[in-house]
Amino acid sequence: MLTMLDKAPFSRPDYRQALKLAMGQDEGAVILIQDGVYAIKAAPEEYKEITNQVKEKGCKFFALDADLKARGISPDQAKAAGVEVVDFSGFLGLIFKYKKVY
């Protein structure tokens, strides 16, 4: 399942539920889009802890390149946070690969 996070962790109270849902999948992935990419720069400590748990379960994290650029976040910052950067065609590829999207 591909879980999309489109809001910054500070403004989306259900991010915990979304990340725990991703963690429960055998081959899950999370993509940060729109304001969700702000989680790369600043996030509550609880968000970071849950994110690390999700990554330990084998979940992959992605971020949309255009949204990073629009918010002044470099691809290098994303990569340093363990997040793979994808363009729009890569985003569509993830949707088709994972089939289920939340």
C-alpha atoms as a PDB file:
ATOM      1  CA  MET A   1       0.000   0.000   0.000  1.00  0.00           C
ATOM      2  CA  LEU A   2       1.153   3.513  -0.798  1.00  0.00           C
ATOM      3  CA  THR A   3       0.356   6.007   1.951  1.00  0.00           C
ATOM      4  CA  MET A   4       0.283   9.662   0.892  1.00  0.00           C
ATOM      5  CA  LEU A   5       0.986  12.374   3.435  1.00  0.00           C
ATOM      6  CA  ASP A   6       0.005  15.764   2.060  1.00  0.00           C
ATOM      7  CA  LYS A   7       0.022  17.864   5.224  1.00  0.00           C
ATOM      8  CA  ALA A   8       2.871  18.859   7.504  1.00  0.00           C
ATOM      9  CA  PRO A   9       2.993  16.732  10.677  1.00  0.00           C
ATOM     10  CA  PHE A  10       2.159  19.823  12.727  1.00  0.00           C
ATOM     11  CA  SER A  11      -1.146  20.340  10.898  1.00  0.00           C
ATOM     12  CA  ARG A  12      -2.251  16.756  10.320  1.00  0.00           C
ATOM     13  CA  PRO A  13      -3.278  15.037  13.542  1.00  0.00           C
ATOM     14  CA  ASP A  14      -3.953  11.721  11.809  1.00  0.00           C
ATOM     15  CA  TYR A  15      -0.386  11.245  10.565  1.00  0.00           C
ATOM     16  CA  ARG A  16       0.120   8.691  13.356  1.00  0.00           C
ATOM     17  CA  GLN A  17      -2.719   6.578  11.994  1.00  0.00           C
ATOM     18  CA  ALA A  18      -1.443   6.883   8.433  1.00  0.00           C
ATOM     19  CA  LEU A  19       2.101   5.865   9.399  1.00  0.00           C
ATOM     20  CA  LYS A  20       0.898   2.964  11.541  1.00  0.00           C
ATOM     21  CA  LEU A  21      -1.209   1.787   8.615  1.00  0.00           C
ATOM     22  CA  ALA A  22       1.880   1.879   6.403  1.00  0.00           C
ATOM     23  CA  MET A  23       3.856  -0.013   9.055  1.00  0.00           C
ATOM     24  CA  GLY A  24       1.302  -2.832   9.005  1.00  0.00           C
ATOM     25  CA  GLN A  25       1.889  -3.548   5.315  1.00  0.00           C
ATOM     26  CA  ASP A  26       4.407  -6.123   4.114  1.00  0.00           C
ATOM     27  CA  GLU A  27       5.703  -3.939   1.316  1.00  0.00           C
ATOM     28  CA  GLY A  28       4.407  -0.513   2.144  1.00  0.00           C
ATOM     29  CA  ALA A  29       5.587   2.890   1.087  1.00  0.00           C
ATOM     30  CA  VAL A  30       4.964   6.471   2.132  1.00  0.00           C
ATOM     31  CA  ILE A  31       5.116   9.429  -0.214  1.00  0.00           C
ATOM     32  CA  LEU A  32       5.367  12.971   1.062  1.00  0.00           C
ATOM     33  CA  ILE A  33       3.571  15.418  -1.207  1.00  0.00           C
ATOM     34  CA  GLN A  34       2.504  19.050  -0.975  1.00  0.00           C
ATOM     35  CA  ASP A  35       3.079  20.339   2.597  1.00  0.00           C
ATOM     36  CA  GLY A  36       3.885  16.792   3.739  1.00  0.00           C
ATOM     37  CA  VAL A  37       7.458  17.380   2.563  1.00  0.00           C
ATOM     38  CA  TYR A  38       7.969  19.759   5.509  1.00  0.00           C
ATOM     39  CA  ALA A  39       8.349  16.630   7.643  1.00  0.00           C
ATOM     40  CA  ILE A  40      11.839  16.302   6.149  1.00  0.00           C
ATOM     41  CA  LYS A  41      12.987  19.578   7.739  1.00  0.00           C
ATOM     42  CA  ALA A  42      10.992  19.794  10.933  1.00  0.00           C
ATOM     43  CA  ALA A  43       8.681  17.355  12.613  1.00  0.00           C
ATOM     44  CA  PRO A  44       7.495  16.592  16.125  1.00  0.00           C
ATOM     45  CA  GLU A  45       9.656  14.093  17.996  1.00  0.00           C
ATOM     46  CA  GLU A  46       6.775  11.611  18.033  1.00  0.00           C
ATOM     47  CA  TYR A  47       6.577  11.790  14.223  1.00  0.00           C
ATOM     48  CA  LYS A  48      10.286  11.029  13.969  1.00  0.00           C
ATOM     49  CA  GLU A  49       9.934   8.034  16.306  1.00  0.00           C
ATOM     50  CA  ILE A  50       7.021   6.571  14.353  1.00  0.00           C
ATOM     51  CA  THR A  51       8.835   7.230  11.066  1.00  0.00           C
ATOM     52  CA  ASN A  52      11.867   5.312  12.314  1.00  0.00           C
ATOM     53  CA  GLN A  53       9.634   2.396  13.349  1.00  0.00           C
ATOM     54  CA  VAL A  54       8.013   2.389   9.917  1.00  0.00           C
ATOM     55  CA  LYS A  55      11.426   2.390   8.201  1.00  0.00           C
ATOM     56  CA  GLU A  56      12.606  -0.480  10.427  1.00  0.00           C
ATOM     57  CA  LYS A  57       9.622  -2.514   9.163  1.00  0.00           C
ATOM     58  CA  GLY A  58      10.958  -2.086   5.622  1.00  0.00           C
ATOM     59  CA  CYS A  59       8.669   0.699   4.472  1.00  0.00           C
ATOM     60  CA  LYS A  60      10.185   3.032   1.899  1.00  0.00           C
ATOM     61  CA  PHE A  61       9.777   6.805   1.979  1.00  0.00           C
ATOM     62  CA  PHE A  62       9.508   8.995  -1.104  1.00  0.00           C
ATOM     63  CA  ALA A  63       9.001  12.724  -1.726  1.00  0.00           C
ATOM     64  CA  LEU A  64       7.804  14.527  -4.813  1.00  0.00           C
ATOM     65  CA  ASP A  65      10.613  16.622  -6.302  1.00  0.00           C
ATOM     66  CA  ALA A  66       8.385  19.518  -7.418  1.00  0.00           C
ATOM     67  CA  ASP A  67       6.946  19.875  -3.911  1.00  0.00           C
ATOM     68  CA  LEU A  68      10.415  19.868  -2.368  1.00  0.00           C
ATOM     69  CA  LYS A  69      11.551  22.619  -4.728  1.00  0.00           C
ATOM     70  CA  ALA A  70       8.397  24.680  -4.161  1.00  0.00           C
ATOM     71  CA  ARG A  71       9.066  24.636  -0.408  1.00  0.00           C
ATOM     72  CA  GLY A  72      12.800  25.275  -0.503  1.00  0.00           C
ATOM     73  CA  ILE A  73      13.879  21.769   0.489  1.00  0.00           C
ATOM     74  CA  SER A  74      16.778  20.293  -1.425  1.00  0.00           C
ATOM     75  CA  PRO A  75      16.881  16.724  -2.707  1.00  0.00           C
ATOM     76  CA  ASP A  76      20.047  16.283  -0.630  1.00  0.00           C
ATOM     77  CA  GLN A  77      18.103  17.098   2.554  1.00  0.00           C
ATOM     78  CA  ALA A  78      15.521  14.483   1.596  1.00  0.00           C
ATOM     79  CA  LYS A  79      18.173  11.872   0.876  1.00  0.00           C
ATOM     80  CA  ALA A  80      19.908  12.620   4.176  1.00  0.00           C
ATOM     81  CA  ALA A  81      16.581  11.894   5.900  1.00  0.00           C
ATOM     82  CA  GLY A  82      16.312   8.531   4.125  1.00  0.00           C
ATOM     83  CA  VAL A  83      13.713   9.751   1.642  1.00  0.00           C
ATOM     84  CA  GLU A  84      13.994   8.941  -2.059  1.00  0.00           C
ATOM     85  CA  VAL A  85      13.081  11.800  -4.405  1.00  0.00           C
ATOM     86  CA  VAL A  86      10.766  11.082  -7.347  1.00  0.00           C
ATOM     87  CA  ASP A  87       9.371  13.175 -10.184  1.00  0.00           C
ATOM     88  CA  PHE A  88       5.767  13.048 -11.412  1.00  0.00           C
ATOM     89  CA  SER A  89       6.319   9.980 -13.574  1.00  0.00           C
ATOM     90  CA  GLY A  90       7.971   8.243 -10.613  1.00  0.00           C
ATOM     91  CA  PHE A  91       4.964   9.182  -8.492  1.00  0.00           C
ATOM     92  CA  LEU A  92       2.612   7.612 -11.031  1.00  0.00           C
ATOM     93  CA  GLY A  93       4.843   4.554 -11.130  1.00  0.00           C
ATOM     94  CA  LEU A  94       4.466   4.187  -7.353  1.00  0.00           C
ATOM     95  CA  ILE A  95       0.676   4.404  -7.627  1.00  0.00           C
ATOM     96  CA  PHE A  96       0.644   1.623 -10.212  1.00  0.00           C
ATOM     97  CA  LYS A  97       3.190  -0.470  -8.312  1.00  0.00           C
ATOM     98  CA  TYR A  98       1.397  -0.399  -4.982  1.00  0.00           C
ATOM     99  CA  LYS A  99      -2.144  -0.397  -6.425  1.00  0.00           C
ATOM    100  CA  LYS A 100      -3.761   0.471  -3.068  1.00  0.00           C
ATOM    101  CA  VAL A 101      -3.424   4.103  -2.066  1.00  0.00           C
ATOM    102  CA  TYR A 102      -4.366   5.689   1.250  1.00  0.00           C
END
